[in-house]
Amino acid sequence: MDNFQLLTDGLCDLPPSWLKQYPNITVIDTPIIVNKGDDTVTLRNLTPADFDQVARYVDQGYSAHTSCPDIYMPDETEADAPENVESVTRKLLEQGRDVLYLTMSSTLSSTFSYVSTLYQELAKEYTERKIICVDSLSMSTGLGLLVMDIMERYTKGLFESIQDIAGFIEEARGGIAHVFSWSEFSFIRKSGRVSLLPAFLGSALHFQPFCSCEYDDRKDGSRVLLPVKSTVRGEEKFAQLVADFARETITDPESTIIVAHGNRQGFADQIAAKIKELLPKANILVGPQWRVSSGIQVHGGPTSVHINFHRKQPNSFTKTSELVKSL
């Protein structure tokens, strides 16, 4: 399988040093759009440390959000045209490579829908190649962990075809824990996910909400982000709760756990230390290189923290909520 190329979104949070090991991974930038009244500003290729560029606009009262990657090639060739999915994919196909695009969760982004449509069109043109788009049902470093799983198996020669990779993703994607939180509520309030009063109270009372990406069995079973416990007060209690949750739900106590942050290295270290006390043999990835991207910080702000690992299934809101409340 030397002719395989994996494409993924800029919201797949992996360190550049890790990505450099794998030339058959291509990350497509996810732009950030700033609304300035009737005008917009598009920010591209921001690193996690570049989020201050977005924050300055937000501090002036402007709103910001992520957009899908540019999907189609422009009608006319432009020297300064932004990178787009179609041009990147066509180039790879013409080099004789099969392409799999692993998108951000379709519950959070429309990228899967757009890329799927494009790839259906390209499949009719490049009939000799395999062109597949798969929904990761994941985000941020959770999507990153899924990519790590793929490449670990790929380098061991465990896939015979690109269809094998797609099948592995569909089987494994539901087993990644996504625990996340933030301590400053202005960004999440502006995103519309919490109202003004809870956001004010959360900041004033130093709440550190425990949120997770779960199957919403209260409604239609789709995978969505849900606040499992919103009244965790203080960083130490939150770190302990995460450690207890990881101990109870991780599939292998010696496996990988990612602890990433927007701009809270000390808090990430605190969480990692608590986890290490309960899971001393775990491979905990934490440090300056494990960061939450600017595109993710747009929604949760620089105080965002994300914890990911392989968890026991099934993961549903009701069962996770009951477990967290018992810890």
C-alpha atoms as a PDB file:
ATOM      1  CA  MET A   1       0.000   0.000   0.000  1.00  0.00           C
ATOM      2  CA  ASP A   2       2.660   2.501  -0.993  1.00  0.00           C
ATOM      3  CA  ASN A   3       0.202   4.568  -3.044  1.00  0.00           C
ATOM      4  CA  PHE A   4      -2.024   5.689  -0.153  1.00  0.00           C
ATOM      5  CA  GLN A   5      -2.517   9.316   0.943  1.00  0.00           C
ATOM      6  CA  LEU A   6      -4.508  10.348   4.000  1.00  0.00           C
ATOM      7  CA  LEU A   7      -6.069  13.835   3.948  1.00  0.00           C
ATOM      8  CA  THR A   8      -7.593  15.434   7.019  1.00  0.00           C
ATOM      9  CA  ASP A   9      -8.821  18.796   8.326  1.00  0.00           C
ATOM     10  CA  GLY A  10      -6.758  21.518   9.932  1.00  0.00           C
ATOM     11  CA  LEU A  11      -8.822  20.861  13.066  1.00  0.00           C
ATOM     12  CA  CYS A  12      -7.028  17.526  13.446  1.00  0.00           C
ATOM     13  CA  ASP A  13      -4.719  18.536  16.271  1.00  0.00           C
ATOM     14  CA  LEU A  14      -1.356  16.785  16.022  1.00  0.00           C
ATOM     15  CA  PRO A  15       2.111  18.279  16.594  1.00  0.00           C
ATOM     16  CA  PRO A  16       4.003  19.274  13.439  1.00  0.00           C
ATOM     17  CA  SER A  17       6.926  17.154  14.661  1.00  0.00           C
ATOM     18  CA  TRP A  18       4.695  14.055  14.638  1.00  0.00           C
ATOM     19  CA  LEU A  19       3.204  14.813  11.227  1.00  0.00           C
ATOM     20  CA  LYS A  20       6.658  15.196   9.669  1.00  0.00           C
ATOM     21  CA  GLN A  21       7.214  11.479  10.162  1.00  0.00           C
ATOM     22  CA  TYR A  22       4.468  10.672   7.672  1.00  0.00           C
ATOM     23  CA  PRO A  23       4.717  12.268   4.219  1.00  0.00           C
ATOM     24  CA  ASN A  24       1.555  10.393   3.224  1.00  0.00           C
ATOM     25  CA  ILE A  25      -0.546  12.625   5.510  1.00  0.00           C
ATOM     26  CA  THR A  26      -1.807  15.930   4.103  1.00  0.00           C
ATOM     27  CA  VAL A  27      -3.526  18.446   6.369  1.00  0.00           C
ATOM     28  CA  ILE A  28      -5.947  20.822   4.626  1.00  0.00           C
ATOM     29  CA  ASP A  29      -6.169  24.206   6.335  1.00  0.00           C
ATOM     30  CA  THR A  30      -9.421  25.113   8.082  1.00  0.00           C
ATOM     31  CA  PRO A  31      -9.833  28.903   7.773  1.00  0.00           C
ATOM     32  CA  ILE A  32     -11.172  31.146  10.519  1.00  0.00           C
ATOM     33  CA  ILE A  33     -13.684  33.796   9.485  1.00  0.00           C
ATOM     34  CA  VAL A  34     -13.994  37.049  11.427  1.00  0.00           C
ATOM     35  CA  ASN A  35     -17.204  39.000  10.880  1.00  0.00           C
ATOM     36  CA  LYS A  36     -16.656  42.774  11.021  1.00  0.00           C
ATOM     37  CA  GLY A  37     -20.125  44.113  10.336  1.00  0.00           C
ATOM     38  CA  ASP A  38     -20.692  43.787   6.602  1.00  0.00           C
ATOM     39  CA  ASP A  39     -17.039  42.836   6.037  1.00  0.00           C
ATOM     40  CA  THR A  40     -15.180  39.614   6.764  1.00  0.00           C
ATOM     41  CA  VAL A  41     -11.546  38.758   7.396  1.00  0.00           C
ATOM     42  CA  THR A  42     -10.258  35.271   6.581  1.00  0.00           C
ATOM     43  CA  LEU A  43      -7.361  33.995   8.687  1.00  0.00           C
ATOM     44  CA  ARG A  44      -5.460  30.994   7.344  1.00  0.00           C
ATOM     45  CA  ASN A  45      -2.800  28.560   8.531  1.00  0.00           C
ATOM     46  CA  LEU A  46      -2.846  29.751  12.141  1.00  0.00           C
ATOM     47  CA  THR A  47      -0.876  27.773  14.691  1.00  0.00           C
ATOM     48  CA  PRO A  48      -2.274  27.277  18.225  1.00  0.00           C
ATOM     49  CA  ALA A  49      -0.019  30.103  19.406  1.00  0.00           C
ATOM     50  CA  ASP A  50      -1.480  32.410  16.752  1.00  0.00           C
ATOM     51  CA  PHE A  51      -4.878  32.499  18.422  1.00  0.00           C
ATOM     52  CA  ASP A  52      -4.107  35.956  19.796  1.00  0.00           C
ATOM     53  CA  GLN A  53      -4.786  37.232  16.259  1.00  0.00           C
ATOM     54  CA  VAL A  54      -8.363  35.980  16.593  1.00  0.00           C
ATOM     55  CA  ALA A  55      -8.701  37.104  20.205  1.00  0.00           C
ATOM     56  CA  ARG A  56      -7.850  40.692  19.288  1.00  0.00           C
ATOM     57  CA  TYR A  57     -10.818  40.815  16.908  1.00  0.00           C
ATOM     58  CA  VAL A  58     -13.122  39.199  19.472  1.00  0.00           C
ATOM     59  CA  ASP A  59     -12.006  41.682  22.138  1.00  0.00           C
ATOM     60  CA  GLN A  60     -13.155  44.455  19.763  1.00  0.00           C
ATOM     61  CA  GLY A  61     -16.629  42.933  19.654  1.00  0.00           C
ATOM     62  CA  TYR A  62     -16.362  41.026  16.378  1.00  0.00           C
ATOM     63  CA  SER A  63     -17.504  37.417  16.027  1.00  0.00           C
ATOM     64  CA  ALA A  64     -15.340  34.581  14.724  1.00  0.00           C
ATOM     65  CA  HIS A  65     -16.009  31.052  13.536  1.00  0.00           C
ATOM     66  CA  THR A  66     -14.336  28.305  11.559  1.00  0.00           C
ATOM     67  CA  SER A  67     -15.277  27.559   7.981  1.00  0.00           C
ATOM     68  CA  CYS A  68     -14.970  24.396   5.918  1.00  0.00           C
ATOM     69  CA  PRO A  69     -11.723  23.998   4.008  1.00  0.00           C
ATOM     70  CA  ASP A  70     -11.932  25.432   0.507  1.00  0.00           C
ATOM     71  CA  ILE A  71     -13.438  22.530  -1.445  1.00  0.00           C
ATOM     72  CA  TYR A  72     -13.428  23.343  -5.161  1.00  0.00           C
ATOM     73  CA  MET A  73     -10.795  24.807  -7.442  1.00  0.00           C
ATOM     74  CA  PRO A  74     -11.534  28.409  -8.522  1.00  0.00           C
ATOM     75  CA  ASP A  75     -13.030  28.859 -11.982  1.00  0.00           C
ATOM     76  CA  GLU A  76      -9.879  30.552 -13.188  1.00  0.00           C
ATOM     77  CA  THR A  77      -6.346  29.808 -12.118  1.00  0.00           C
ATOM     78  CA  GLU A  78      -5.214  32.351  -9.561  1.00  0.00           C
ATOM     79  CA  ALA A  79      -1.615  32.644  -8.408  1.00  0.00           C
ATOM     80  CA  ASP A  80      -2.731  33.437  -4.866  1.00  0.00           C
ATOM     81  CA  ALA A  81      -5.728  31.075  -4.743  1.00  0.00           C
ATOM     82  CA  PRO A  82      -5.974  29.290  -1.368  1.00  0.00           C
ATOM     83  CA  GLU A  83      -5.269  25.599  -1.063  1.00  0.00           C
ATOM     84  CA  ASN A  84      -8.394  23.593  -1.821  1.00  0.00           C
ATOM     85  CA  VAL A  85      -9.456  19.979  -1.513  1.00  0.00           C
ATOM     86  CA  GLU A  86     -10.107  19.445  -5.212  1.00  0.00           C
ATOM     87  CA  SER A  87      -6.705  20.622  -6.444  1.00  0.00           C
ATOM     88  CA  VAL A  88      -4.821  18.678  -3.766  1.00  0.00           C
ATOM     89  CA  THR A  89      -6.818  15.514  -4.454  1.00  0.00           C
ATOM     90  CA  ARG A  90      -6.505  15.777  -8.247  1.00  0.00           C
ATOM     91  CA  LYS A  91      -2.739  16.141  -7.977  1.00  0.00           C
ATOM     92  CA  LEU A  92      -2.506  13.011  -5.838  1.00  0.00           C
ATOM     93  CA  LEU A  93      -4.799  11.013  -8.114  1.00  0.00           C
ATOM     94  CA  GLU A  94      -2.759  11.984 -11.153  1.00  0.00           C
ATOM     95  CA  GLN A  95       0.342  10.736  -9.321  1.00  0.00           C
ATOM     96  CA  GLY A  96      -1.370   7.332  -9.106  1.00  0.00           C
ATOM     97  CA  ARG A  97      -2.275   7.534  -5.428  1.00  0.00           C
ATOM     98  CA  ASP A  98      -5.459   6.398  -3.703  1.00  0.00           C
ATOM     99  CA  VAL A  99      -6.938   9.057  -1.408  1.00  0.00           C
ATOM    100  CA  LEU A 100      -8.886   8.852   1.842  1.00  0.00           C
ATOM    101  CA  TYR A 101     -10.172  12.080   3.411  1.00  0.00           C
ATOM    102  CA  LEU A 102     -10.882  11.782   7.142  1.00  0.00           C
ATOM    103  CA  THR A 103     -13.076  14.709   8.175  1.00  0.00           C
ATOM    104  CA  MET A 104     -13.998  16.426  11.396  1.00  0.00           C
ATOM    105  CA  SER A 105     -17.212  15.029  12.904  1.00  0.00           C
ATOM    106  CA  SER A 106     -20.223  15.716  10.690  1.00  0.00           C
ATOM    107  CA  THR A 107     -22.192  16.754  13.796  1.00  0.00           C
ATOM    108  CA  LEU A 108     -19.856  19.746  14.131  1.00  0.00           C
ATOM    109  CA  SER A 109     -18.869  20.535  10.555  1.00  0.00           C
ATOM    110  CA  SER A 110     -20.304  20.260   7.044  1.00  0.00           C
ATOM    111  CA  THR A 111     -16.931  19.266   5.585  1.00  0.00           C
ATOM    112  CA  PHE A 112     -17.934  15.599   5.329  1.00  0.00           C
ATOM    113  CA  SER A 113     -20.983  16.461   3.232  1.00  0.00           C
ATOM    114  CA  TYR A 114     -19.055  18.740   0.862  1.00  0.00           C
ATOM    115  CA  VAL A 115     -16.045  16.468   0.416  1.00  0.00           C
ATOM    116  CA  SER A 116     -18.256  13.397  -0.080  1.00  0.00           C
ATOM    117  CA  THR A 117     -20.036  15.171  -2.939  1.00  0.00           C
ATOM    118  CA  LEU A 118     -16.729  16.213  -4.511  1.00  0.00           C
ATOM    119  CA  TYR A 119     -15.281  12.695  -4.219  1.00  0.00           C
ATOM    120  CA  GLN A 120     -18.343  11.157  -5.844  1.00  0.00           C
ATOM    121  CA  GLU A 121     -17.709  13.448  -8.801  1.00  0.00           C
ATOM    122  CA  LEU A 122     -13.989  12.662  -8.939  1.00  0.00           C
ATOM    123  CA  ALA A 123     -14.641   8.903  -8.717  1.00  0.00           C
ATOM    124  CA  LYS A 124     -16.471   9.078 -12.059  1.00  0.00           C
ATOM    125  CA  GLU A 125     -13.453  10.757 -13.625  1.00  0.00           C
ATOM    126  CA  TYR A 126     -10.662   8.714 -12.026  1.00  0.00           C
ATOM    127  CA  THR A 127     -12.200   5.268 -12.317  1.00  0.00           C
ATOM    128  CA  GLU A 128      -8.890   3.468 -11.785  1.00  0.00           C
ATOM    129  CA  ARG A 129      -8.300   5.069  -8.382  1.00  0.00           C
ATOM    130  CA  LYS A 130      -9.919   4.626  -4.953  1.00  0.00           C
ATOM    131  CA  ILE A 131     -11.304   7.907  -3.534  1.00  0.00           C
ATOM    132  CA  ILE A 132     -13.012   7.693  -0.140  1.00  0.00           C
ATOM    133  CA  CYS A 133     -14.340  10.219   2.386  1.00  0.00           C
ATOM    134  CA  VAL A 134     -14.996   9.019   5.959  1.00  0.00           C
ATOM    135  CA  ASP A 135     -16.611  10.830   8.887  1.00  0.00           C
ATOM    136  CA  SER A 136     -14.337  10.568  11.934  1.00  0.00           C
ATOM    137  CA  LEU A 137     -17.109  11.366  14.457  1.00  0.00           C
ATOM    138  CA  SER A 138     -14.207  13.044  16.265  1.00  0.00           C
ATOM    139  CA  MET A 139     -12.617  16.441  16.762  1.00  0.00           C
ATOM    140  CA  SER A 140      -9.346  18.095  17.685  1.00  0.00           C
ATOM    141  CA  THR A 141      -6.875  15.769  19.435  1.00  0.00           C
ATOM    142  CA  GLY A 142      -9.496  13.000  19.390  1.00  0.00           C
ATOM    143  CA  LEU A 143      -9.303  13.096  15.600  1.00  0.00           C
ATOM    144  CA  GLY A 144      -5.532  13.242  16.016  1.00  0.00           C
ATOM    145  CA  LEU A 145      -5.561  10.073  18.117  1.00  0.00           C
ATOM    146  CA  LEU A 146      -7.585   8.308  15.421  1.00  0.00           C
ATOM    147  CA  VAL A 147      -5.015   9.348  12.804  1.00  0.00           C
ATOM    148  CA  MET A 148      -2.257   8.006  15.066  1.00  0.00           C
ATOM    149  CA  ASP A 149      -4.081   4.681  15.297  1.00  0.00           C
ATOM    150  CA  ILE A 150      -4.362   4.503  11.502  1.00  0.00           C
ATOM    151  CA  MET A 151      -0.695   5.211  10.911  1.00  0.00           C
ATOM    152  CA  GLU A 152       0.450   2.780  13.588  1.00  0.00           C
ATOM    153  CA  ARG A 153      -1.393  -0.024  11.809  1.00  0.00           C
ATOM    154  CA  TYR A 154      -0.405   1.227   8.368  1.00  0.00           C
ATOM    155  CA  THR A 155       3.320   1.170   9.181  1.00  0.00           C
ATOM    156  CA  LYS A 156       2.937  -2.383  10.510  1.00  0.00           C
ATOM    157  CA  GLY A 157       1.426  -3.473   7.191  1.00  0.00           C
ATOM    158  CA  LEU A 158      -1.945  -4.366   8.694  1.00  0.00           C
ATOM    159  CA  PHE A 159      -3.954  -2.833   5.824  1.00  0.00           C
ATOM    160  CA  GLU A 160      -4.133  -4.420   2.400  1.00  0.00           C
ATOM    161  CA  SER A 161      -6.279  -1.731   0.786  1.00  0.00           C
ATOM    162  CA  ILE A 162      -7.698   1.716   1.354  1.00  0.00           C
ATOM    163  CA  GLN A 163     -11.064   0.070   1.955  1.00  0.00           C
ATOM    164  CA  ASP A 164      -9.484  -1.745   4.928  1.00  0.00           C
ATOM    165  CA  ILE A 165      -8.515   1.629   6.385  1.00  0.00           C
ATOM    166  CA  ALA A 166     -12.040   2.981   5.919  1.00  0.00           C
ATOM    167  CA  GLY A 167     -13.452  -0.112   7.617  1.00  0.00           C
ATOM    168  CA  PHE A 168     -11.057   0.270  10.539  1.00  0.00           C
ATOM    169  CA  ILE A 169     -12.073   3.925  10.996  1.00  0.00           C
ATOM    170  CA  GLU A 170     -15.784   3.086  11.061  1.00  0.00           C
ATOM    171  CA  GLU A 171     -15.123   0.400  13.660  1.00  0.00           C
ATOM    172  CA  ALA A 172     -12.722   2.370  15.865  1.00  0.00           C
ATOM    173  CA  ARG A 173     -14.062   5.933  15.756  1.00  0.00           C
ATOM    174  CA  GLY A 174     -16.707   5.412  18.434  1.00  0.00           C
ATOM    175  CA  GLY A 175     -14.158   4.183  20.944  1.00  0.00           C
ATOM    176  CA  ILE A 176     -12.237   7.418  21.464  1.00  0.00           C
ATOM    177  CA  ALA A 177     -12.995   9.404  24.598  1.00  0.00           C
ATOM    178  CA  HIS A 178     -13.346  13.168  24.138  1.00  0.00           C
ATOM    179  CA  VAL A 179     -13.292  14.973  27.472  1.00  0.00           C
ATOM    180  CA  PHE A 180     -12.966  18.743  27.251  1.00  0.00           C
ATOM    181  CA  SER A 181     -13.467  21.863  29.311  1.00  0.00           C
ATOM    182  CA  TRP A 182     -12.692  25.556  29.668  1.00  0.00           C
ATOM    183  CA  SER A 183     -12.608  28.002  32.569  1.00  0.00           C
ATOM    184  CA  GLU A 184     -13.285  31.278  30.729  1.00  0.00           C
ATOM    185  CA  PHE A 185     -16.773  31.307  29.228  1.00  0.00           C
ATOM    186  CA  SER A 186     -16.849  34.297  26.887  1.00  0.00           C
ATOM    187  CA  PHE A 187     -15.899  32.353  23.744  1.00  0.00           C
ATOM    188  CA  ILE A 188     -18.282  29.481  24.361  1.00  0.00           C
ATOM    189  CA  ARG A 189     -21.044  31.993  25.139  1.00  0.00           C
ATOM    190  CA  LYS A 190     -20.501  33.831  21.857  1.00  0.00           C
ATOM    191  CA  SER A 191     -20.676  30.515  20.020  1.00  0.00           C
ATOM    192  CA  GLY A 192     -24.269  30.182  21.266  1.00  0.00           C
ATOM    193  CA  ARG A 193     -23.691  26.974  23.203  1.00  0.00           C
ATOM    194  CA  VAL A 194     -24.410  28.519  26.609  1.00  0.00           C
ATOM    195  CA  SER A 195     -26.467  31.551  27.564  1.00  0.00           C
ATOM    196  CA  LEU A 196     -25.206  34.734  29.202  1.00  0.00           C
ATOM    197  CA  LEU A 197     -26.259  33.875  32.782  1.00  0.00           C
ATOM    198  CA  PRO A 198     -24.673  30.387  32.980  1.00  0.00           C
ATOM    199  CA  ALA A 199     -21.539  31.799  31.362  1.00  0.00           C
ATOM    200  CA  PHE A 200     -21.347  34.604  33.937  1.00  0.00           C
ATOM    201  CA  LEU A 201     -21.976  32.250  36.850  1.00  0.00           C
ATOM    202  CA  GLY A 202     -19.502  29.715  35.511  1.00  0.00           C
ATOM    203  CA  SER A 203     -16.715  32.280  35.445  1.00  0.00           C
ATOM    204  CA  ALA A 204     -17.666  33.878  38.760  1.00  0.00           C
ATOM    205  CA  LEU A 205     -17.898  30.561  40.633  1.00  0.00           C
ATOM    206  CA  HIS A 206     -14.814  29.046  38.973  1.00  0.00           C
ATOM    207  CA  PHE A 207     -16.697  26.155  37.416  1.00  0.00           C
ATOM    208  CA  GLN A 208     -14.693  23.770  35.259  1.00  0.00           C
ATOM    209  CA  PRO A 209     -17.415  21.881  33.347  1.00  0.00           C
ATOM    210  CA  PHE A 210     -16.841  18.233  32.441  1.00  0.00           C
ATOM    211  CA  CYS A 211     -18.017  17.841  28.838  1.00  0.00           C
ATOM    212  CA  SER A 212     -17.807  14.867  26.539  1.00  0.00           C
ATOM    213  CA  CYS A 213     -18.538  13.747  22.994  1.00  0.00           C
ATOM    214  CA  GLU A 214     -21.267  11.132  23.454  1.00  0.00           C
ATOM    215  CA  TYR A 215     -24.014   9.360  21.592  1.00  0.00           C
ATOM    216  CA  ASP A 216     -27.057  11.418  22.500  1.00  0.00           C
ATOM    217  CA  ASP A 217     -29.375   8.595  23.533  1.00  0.00           C
ATOM    218  CA  ARG A 218     -31.775  11.158  24.973  1.00  0.00           C
ATOM    219  CA  LYS A 219     -32.711  12.115  21.402  1.00  0.00           C
ATOM    220  CA  ASP A 220     -31.846  10.406  18.139  1.00  0.00           C
ATOM    221  CA  GLY A 221     -28.605   8.626  18.970  1.00  0.00           C
ATOM    222  CA  SER A 222     -26.343  10.990  17.015  1.00  0.00           C
ATOM    223  CA  ARG A 223     -22.868  11.747  18.341  1.00  0.00           C
ATOM    224  CA  VAL A 224     -22.769  15.232  19.825  1.00  0.00           C
ATOM    225  CA  LEU A 225     -20.914  17.313  22.405  1.00  0.00           C
ATOM    226  CA  LEU A 226     -22.698  17.243  25.725  1.00  0.00           C
ATOM    227  CA  PRO A 227     -22.081  18.780  29.169  1.00  0.00           C
ATOM    228  CA  VAL A 228     -21.978  15.742  31.436  1.00  0.00           C
ATOM    229  CA  LYS A 229     -21.368  17.665  34.657  1.00  0.00           C
ATOM    230  CA  SER A 230     -21.391  21.460  34.744  1.00  0.00           C
ATOM    231  CA  THR A 231     -20.765  22.096  38.451  1.00  0.00           C
ATOM    232  CA  VAL A 232     -17.188  20.860  38.891  1.00  0.00           C
ATOM    233  CA  ARG A 233     -15.627  23.652  40.889  1.00  0.00           C
ATOM    234  CA  GLY A 234     -11.929  24.335  40.524  1.00  0.00           C
ATOM    235  CA  GLU A 235      -9.049  22.857  38.576  1.00  0.00           C
ATOM    236  CA  GLU A 236      -7.974  20.304  41.188  1.00  0.00           C
ATOM    237  CA  LYS A 237     -11.427  18.699  41.410  1.00  0.00           C
ATOM    238  CA  PHE A 238     -11.717  18.621  37.631  1.00  0.00           C
ATOM    239  CA  ALA A 239      -8.275  17.008  37.255  1.00  0.00           C
ATOM    240  CA  GLN A 240      -9.214  14.355  39.817  1.00  0.00           C
ATOM    241  CA  LEU A 241     -12.536  13.673  38.078  1.00  0.00           C
ATOM    242  CA  VAL A 242     -10.791  13.229  34.724  1.00  0.00           C
ATOM    243  CA  ALA A 243      -8.297  10.833  36.285  1.00  0.00           C
ATOM    244  CA  ASP A 244     -11.077   8.802  37.929  1.00  0.00           C
ATOM    245  CA  PHE A 245     -13.044   8.736  34.663  1.00  0.00           C
ATOM    246  CA  ALA A 246     -10.002   7.570  32.695  1.00  0.00           C
ATOM    247  CA  ARG A 247      -9.276   4.814  35.210  1.00  0.00           C
ATOM    248  CA  GLU A 248     -12.856   3.522  34.977  1.00  0.00           C
ATOM    249  CA  THR A 249     -13.298   3.713  31.197  1.00  0.00           C
ATOM    250  CA  ILE A 250      -9.905   3.264  29.498  1.00  0.00           C
ATOM    251  CA  THR A 251      -9.523   0.048  27.520  1.00  0.00           C
ATOM    252  CA  ASP A 252      -5.849  -0.484  28.358  1.00  0.00           C
ATOM    253  CA  PRO A 253      -4.184   1.176  31.386  1.00  0.00           C
ATOM    254  CA  GLU A 254      -0.871   1.176  29.491  1.00  0.00           C
ATOM    255  CA  SER A 255      -2.205   2.845  26.345  1.00  0.00           C
ATOM    256  CA  THR A 256      -1.915   6.433  25.096  1.00  0.00           C
ATOM    257  CA  ILE A 257      -3.666   9.390  26.744  1.00  0.00           C
ATOM    258  CA  ILE A 258      -3.483  12.854  25.167  1.00  0.00           C
ATOM    259  CA  VAL A 259      -3.761  15.925  27.420  1.00  0.00           C
ATOM    260  CA  ALA A 260      -3.816  19.014  25.194  1.00  0.00           C
ATOM    261  CA  HIS A 261      -4.528  22.681  25.859  1.00  0.00           C
ATOM    262  CA  GLY A 262      -5.082  26.031  24.185  1.00  0.00           C
ATOM    263  CA  ASN A 263      -2.805  28.098  26.409  1.00  0.00           C
ATOM    264  CA  ARG A 264      -2.870  26.391  29.820  1.00  0.00           C
ATOM    265  CA  GLN A 265       0.291  24.340  30.084  1.00  0.00           C
ATOM    266  CA  GLY A 266       0.220  24.311  33.887  1.00  0.00           C
ATOM    267  CA  PHE A 267      -3.343  22.982  34.028  1.00  0.00           C
ATOM    268  CA  ALA A 268      -2.579  20.330  31.402  1.00  0.00           C
ATOM    269  CA  ASP A 269       0.394  19.208  33.493  1.00  0.00           C
ATOM    270  CA  GLN A 270      -1.834  19.083  36.581  1.00  0.00           C
ATOM    271  CA  ILE A 271      -4.353  16.838  34.816  1.00  0.00           C
ATOM    272  CA  ALA A 272      -1.582  14.599  33.468  1.00  0.00           C
ATOM    273  CA  ALA A 273      -0.086  14.239  36.954  1.00  0.00           C
ATOM    274  CA  LYS A 274      -3.437  13.164  38.441  1.00  0.00           C
ATOM    275  CA  ILE A 275      -3.910  10.604  35.672  1.00  0.00           C
ATOM    276  CA  LYS A 276      -0.372   9.316  36.206  1.00  0.00           C
ATOM    277  CA  GLU A 277      -1.145   8.657  39.880  1.00  0.00           C
ATOM    278  CA  LEU A 278      -4.000   6.319  38.939  1.00  0.00           C
ATOM    279  CA  LEU A 279      -2.583   4.957  35.672  1.00  0.00           C
ATOM    280  CA  PRO A 280       1.189   4.916  36.228  1.00  0.00           C
ATOM    281  CA  LYS A 281       1.946   2.859  33.099  1.00  0.00           C
ATOM    282  CA  ALA A 282      -0.089   4.992  30.705  1.00  0.00           C
ATOM    283  CA  ASN A 283       1.689   6.769  27.840  1.00  0.00           C
ATOM    284  CA  ILE A 284       0.611  10.334  28.592  1.00  0.00           C
ATOM    285  CA  LEU A 285       1.249  12.845  25.808  1.00  0.00           C
ATOM    286  CA  VAL A 286       1.413  16.318  27.305  1.00  0.00           C
ATOM    287  CA  GLY A 287       3.659  19.295  26.852  1.00  0.00           C
ATOM    288  CA  PRO A 288       4.123  22.416  24.745  1.00  0.00           C
ATOM    289  CA  GLN A 289       3.647  20.522  21.468  1.00  0.00           C
ATOM    290  CA  TRP A 290       0.246  19.056  22.401  1.00  0.00           C
ATOM    291  CA  ARG A 291      -1.963  22.049  21.759  1.00  0.00           C
ATOM    292  CA  VAL A 292      -5.567  22.743  20.816  1.00  0.00           C
ATOM    293  CA  SER A 293      -5.629  24.475  17.423  1.00  0.00           C
ATOM    294  CA  SER A 294      -6.734  28.066  16.883  1.00  0.00           C
ATOM    295  CA  GLY A 295      -9.783  26.718  15.031  1.00  0.00           C
ATOM    296  CA  ILE A 296     -10.874  24.811  18.123  1.00  0.00           C
ATOM    297  CA  GLN A 297     -10.003  27.710  20.443  1.00  0.00           C
ATOM    298  CA  VAL A 298     -12.423  29.887  18.458  1.00  0.00           C
ATOM    299  CA  HIS A 299     -15.239  27.959  20.148  1.00  0.00           C
ATOM    300  CA  GLY A 300     -13.795  27.379  23.625  1.00  0.00           C
ATOM    301  CA  GLY A 301     -11.109  30.008  23.945  1.00  0.00           C
ATOM    302  CA  PRO A 302      -7.463  29.671  25.021  1.00  0.00           C
ATOM    303  CA  THR A 303      -8.472  28.094  28.359  1.00  0.00           C
ATOM    304  CA  SER A 304      -9.655  24.965  26.504  1.00  0.00           C
ATOM    305  CA  VAL A 305      -8.291  21.597  27.596  1.00  0.00           C
ATOM    306  CA  HIS A 306      -8.879  18.295  25.779  1.00  0.00           C
ATOM    307  CA  ILE A 307      -8.255  14.764  27.066  1.00  0.00           C
ATOM    308  CA  ASN A 308      -8.453  11.769  24.737  1.00  0.00           C
ATOM    309  CA  PHE A 309      -7.897   8.023  25.084  1.00  0.00           C
ATOM    310  CA  HIS A 310      -9.370   4.715  23.972  1.00  0.00           C
ATOM    311  CA  ARG A 311     -12.468   4.010  26.022  1.00  0.00           C
ATOM    312  CA  LYS A 312     -14.706   1.062  26.615  1.00  0.00           C
ATOM    313  CA  GLN A 313     -17.896   0.960  24.578  1.00  0.00           C
ATOM    314  CA  PRO A 314     -20.705   1.748  24.406  1.00  0.00           C
ATOM    315  CA  ASN A 315     -20.345   5.428  25.218  1.00  0.00           C
ATOM    316  CA  SER A 316     -23.715   7.072  25.655  1.00  0.00           C
ATOM    317  CA  PHE A 317     -24.758  10.226  27.449  1.00  0.00           C
ATOM    318  CA  THR A 318     -26.911   8.402  30.006  1.00  0.00           C
ATOM    319  CA  LYS A 319     -24.252   5.855  30.980  1.00  0.00           C
ATOM    320  CA  THR A 320     -21.433   8.389  31.020  1.00  0.00           C
ATOM    321  CA  SER A 321     -23.498  10.821  33.077  1.00  0.00           C
ATOM    322  CA  GLU A 322     -24.350   8.141  35.631  1.00  0.00           C
ATOM    323  CA  LEU A 323     -20.700   7.108  35.890  1.00  0.00           C
ATOM    324  CA  VAL A 324     -19.358  10.655  36.265  1.00  0.00           C
ATOM    325  CA  LYS A 325     -21.927  11.467  38.952  1.00  0.00           C
ATOM    326  CA  SER A 326     -20.822   8.376  40.892  1.00  0.00           C
ATOM    327  CA  LEU A 327     -17.119   9.285  40.889  1.00  0.00           C
END
